[in-house]
């Protein structure tokens, strides 16, 4: 990704992750998909297992790598995939935890709405100033 973009926002669910690196005037977009998207699993009573598919570690790792050069990262999404991503980063790339500035529940915004939300979030945190990397 572009080294001039200090800020990044991730929107994640179990079907895709949209990653945006941006500064006040420019935005780069990356879309990642898991190899095996989670499907709704139905199971019978008294069966073994919770009915939840295991997290896709390769998918989470690719997302973490996509924001590894950012200086500040906001993770968003509608459900628990954002928490799974945070746990994955904590377990497998703990130094990246230093740049995670927030985890927010955001339903299904358009790309423009998501970037606007992230810019507002970072501005309210006084983080949209020019940063020295």
Protein backbone atom coordinates (compact mmCIF):
# COMPACT_ATOMS: atom_id res chain seq x y z
CA UNK A 1 0.00 0.00 0.00
CA UNK A 2 0.96 3.62 -0.38
CA UNK A 3 3.31 4.84 2.38
CA UNK A 4 1.74 8.33 2.19
CA UNK A 5 -1.49 7.04 3.72
CA UNK A 6 -1.17 7.07 7.49
CA UNK A 7 -4.80 6.13 8.17
CA UNK A 8 -6.65 2.95 7.27
CA UNK A 9 -10.15 1.65 7.84
CA UNK A 10 -11.26 -1.97 7.54
CA UNK A 11 -14.86 -3.04 7.07
CA UNK A 12 -15.18 -6.79 7.56
CA UNK A 13 -17.78 -9.50 7.56
CA UNK A 14 -17.49 -13.21 6.78
CA UNK A 15 -17.89 -12.64 3.03
CA UNK A 16 -15.47 -9.80 2.33
CA UNK A 17 -13.18 -7.21 3.81
CA UNK A 18 -12.92 -3.73 2.33
CA UNK A 19 -9.69 -1.97 3.28
CA UNK A 20 -9.11 1.72 2.61
CA UNK A 21 -5.83 3.56 3.10
CA UNK A 22 -6.36 7.29 2.92
CA UNK A 23 -5.21 10.81 3.61
CA UNK A 24 -7.31 13.98 3.38
CA UNK A 25 -7.15 14.04 -0.44
CA UNK A 26 -6.62 10.46 -1.66
CA UNK A 27 -8.05 6.99 -1.05
CA UNK A 28 -6.78 3.53 -2.01
CA UNK A 29 -9.24 0.59 -1.93
CA UNK A 30 -8.54 -3.12 -1.54
CA UNK A 31 -11.17 -5.86 -1.34
CA UNK A 32 -10.30 -9.26 0.14
CA UNK A 33 -12.41 -12.42 0.15
CA UNK A 34 -12.01 -15.55 2.28
CA UNK A 35 -11.21 -18.80 0.47
CA UNK A 36 -14.19 -20.42 2.19
CA UNK A 37 -16.88 -17.85 3.05
CA UNK A 38 -18.87 -18.78 6.11
CA UNK A 39 -22.19 -20.32 5.25
CA UNK A 40 -25.08 -20.59 7.63
CA UNK A 41 -24.68 -23.98 9.21
CA UNK A 42 -27.74 -25.82 10.40
CA UNK A 43 -27.27 -28.66 12.77
CA UNK A 44 -29.47 -31.16 14.50
CA UNK A 45 -30.12 -31.19 18.21
CA UNK A 46 -27.68 -33.35 20.16
CA UNK A 47 -25.04 -33.03 17.44
CA UNK A 48 -21.44 -32.28 18.24
CA UNK A 49 -20.18 -28.77 17.53
CA UNK A 50 -21.53 -25.29 17.90
CA UNK A 51 -22.60 -24.88 14.30
CA UNK A 52 -20.04 -22.11 13.79
CA UNK A 53 -17.39 -22.50 11.12
CA UNK A 54 -13.83 -21.94 12.25
CA UNK A 55 -12.43 -18.53 11.42
CA UNK A 56 -10.50 -18.40 8.17
CA UNK A 57 -6.97 -17.71 9.41
CA UNK A 58 -5.57 -17.00 5.94
CA UNK A 59 -8.33 -14.42 5.35
CA UNK A 60 -7.68 -12.69 8.67
CA UNK A 61 -3.92 -12.79 8.08
CA UNK A 62 -4.29 -11.19 4.63
CA UNK A 63 -6.38 -8.39 6.16
CA UNK A 64 -3.83 -7.82 8.92
CA UNK A 65 -1.03 -7.70 6.33
CA UNK A 66 -2.98 -5.17 4.27
CA UNK A 67 -2.87 -2.64 7.14
CA UNK A 68 0.58 -3.51 8.51
CA UNK A 69 2.14 -0.29 7.16
CA UNK A 70 -0.61 2.03 8.44
CA UNK A 71 -0.05 4.33 11.38
CA UNK A 72 -3.64 4.26 12.63
CA UNK A 73 -6.32 1.66 11.85
CA UNK A 74 -10.05 1.66 12.53
CA UNK A 75 -11.77 -1.75 12.31
CA UNK A 76 -15.48 -1.75 11.50
CA UNK A 77 -18.17 -4.21 10.53
CA UNK A 78 -21.73 -5.28 11.28
CA UNK A 79 -21.15 -8.40 13.41
CA UNK A 80 -18.49 -10.51 15.08
CA UNK A 81 -15.96 -10.77 12.21
CA UNK A 82 -14.36 -7.51 13.38
CA UNK A 83 -13.79 -9.04 16.83
CA UNK A 84 -12.32 -12.19 15.24
CA UNK A 85 -9.93 -9.99 13.26
CA UNK A 86 -8.88 -8.14 16.41
CA UNK A 87 -8.28 -11.43 18.26
CA UNK A 88 -6.29 -12.77 15.29
CA UNK A 89 -4.07 -9.65 15.25
CA UNK A 90 -3.60 -9.88 19.01
CA UNK A 91 -2.56 -13.55 18.75
CA UNK A 92 -0.45 -13.46 15.60
CA UNK A 93 0.85 -9.90 15.11
CA UNK A 94 0.68 -8.24 18.51
CA UNK A 95 2.80 -5.21 17.50
CA UNK A 96 0.03 -4.28 15.05
CA UNK A 97 -2.27 -3.83 18.06
CA UNK A 98 -0.42 -0.55 18.71
CA UNK A 99 -2.00 1.05 15.63
CA UNK A 100 -5.57 -0.20 16.15
CA UNK A 101 -7.35 2.92 17.39
CA UNK A 102 -10.89 1.60 17.53
CA UNK A 103 -13.38 -1.12 16.74
CA UNK A 104 -16.82 0.16 15.74
CA UNK A 105 -20.07 -1.49 14.73
CA UNK A 106 -20.99 -0.19 11.27
CA UNK A 107 -23.73 -1.92 9.28
CA UNK A 108 -23.30 -1.95 5.47
CA UNK A 109 -22.07 1.48 4.32
CA UNK A 110 -21.09 2.36 0.78
CA UNK A 111 -17.37 2.85 0.20
CA UNK A 112 -17.80 6.64 0.29
CA UNK A 113 -19.84 6.48 3.51
CA UNK A 114 -17.22 4.26 5.16
CA UNK A 115 -14.32 6.56 4.26
CA UNK A 116 -16.30 9.61 5.41
CA UNK A 117 -17.09 7.82 8.70
CA UNK A 118 -13.41 6.96 9.20
CA UNK A 119 -12.24 10.50 8.42
CA UNK A 120 -14.76 11.89 10.92
CA UNK A 121 -13.68 9.29 13.50
CA UNK A 122 -9.99 10.12 13.11
CA UNK A 123 -10.66 13.88 13.06
CA UNK A 124 -12.63 13.63 16.30
CA UNK A 125 -9.67 11.79 17.77
CA UNK A 126 -7.33 14.55 16.51
CA UNK A 127 -5.65 11.96 14.31
CA UNK A 128 -6.20 13.48 10.84
CA UNK A 129 -3.23 15.85 11.20
CA UNK A 130 -0.24 15.13 8.96
CA UNK A 131 1.73 12.31 10.56
CA UNK A 132 5.41 11.57 10.43
CA UNK A 133 5.99 7.89 9.73
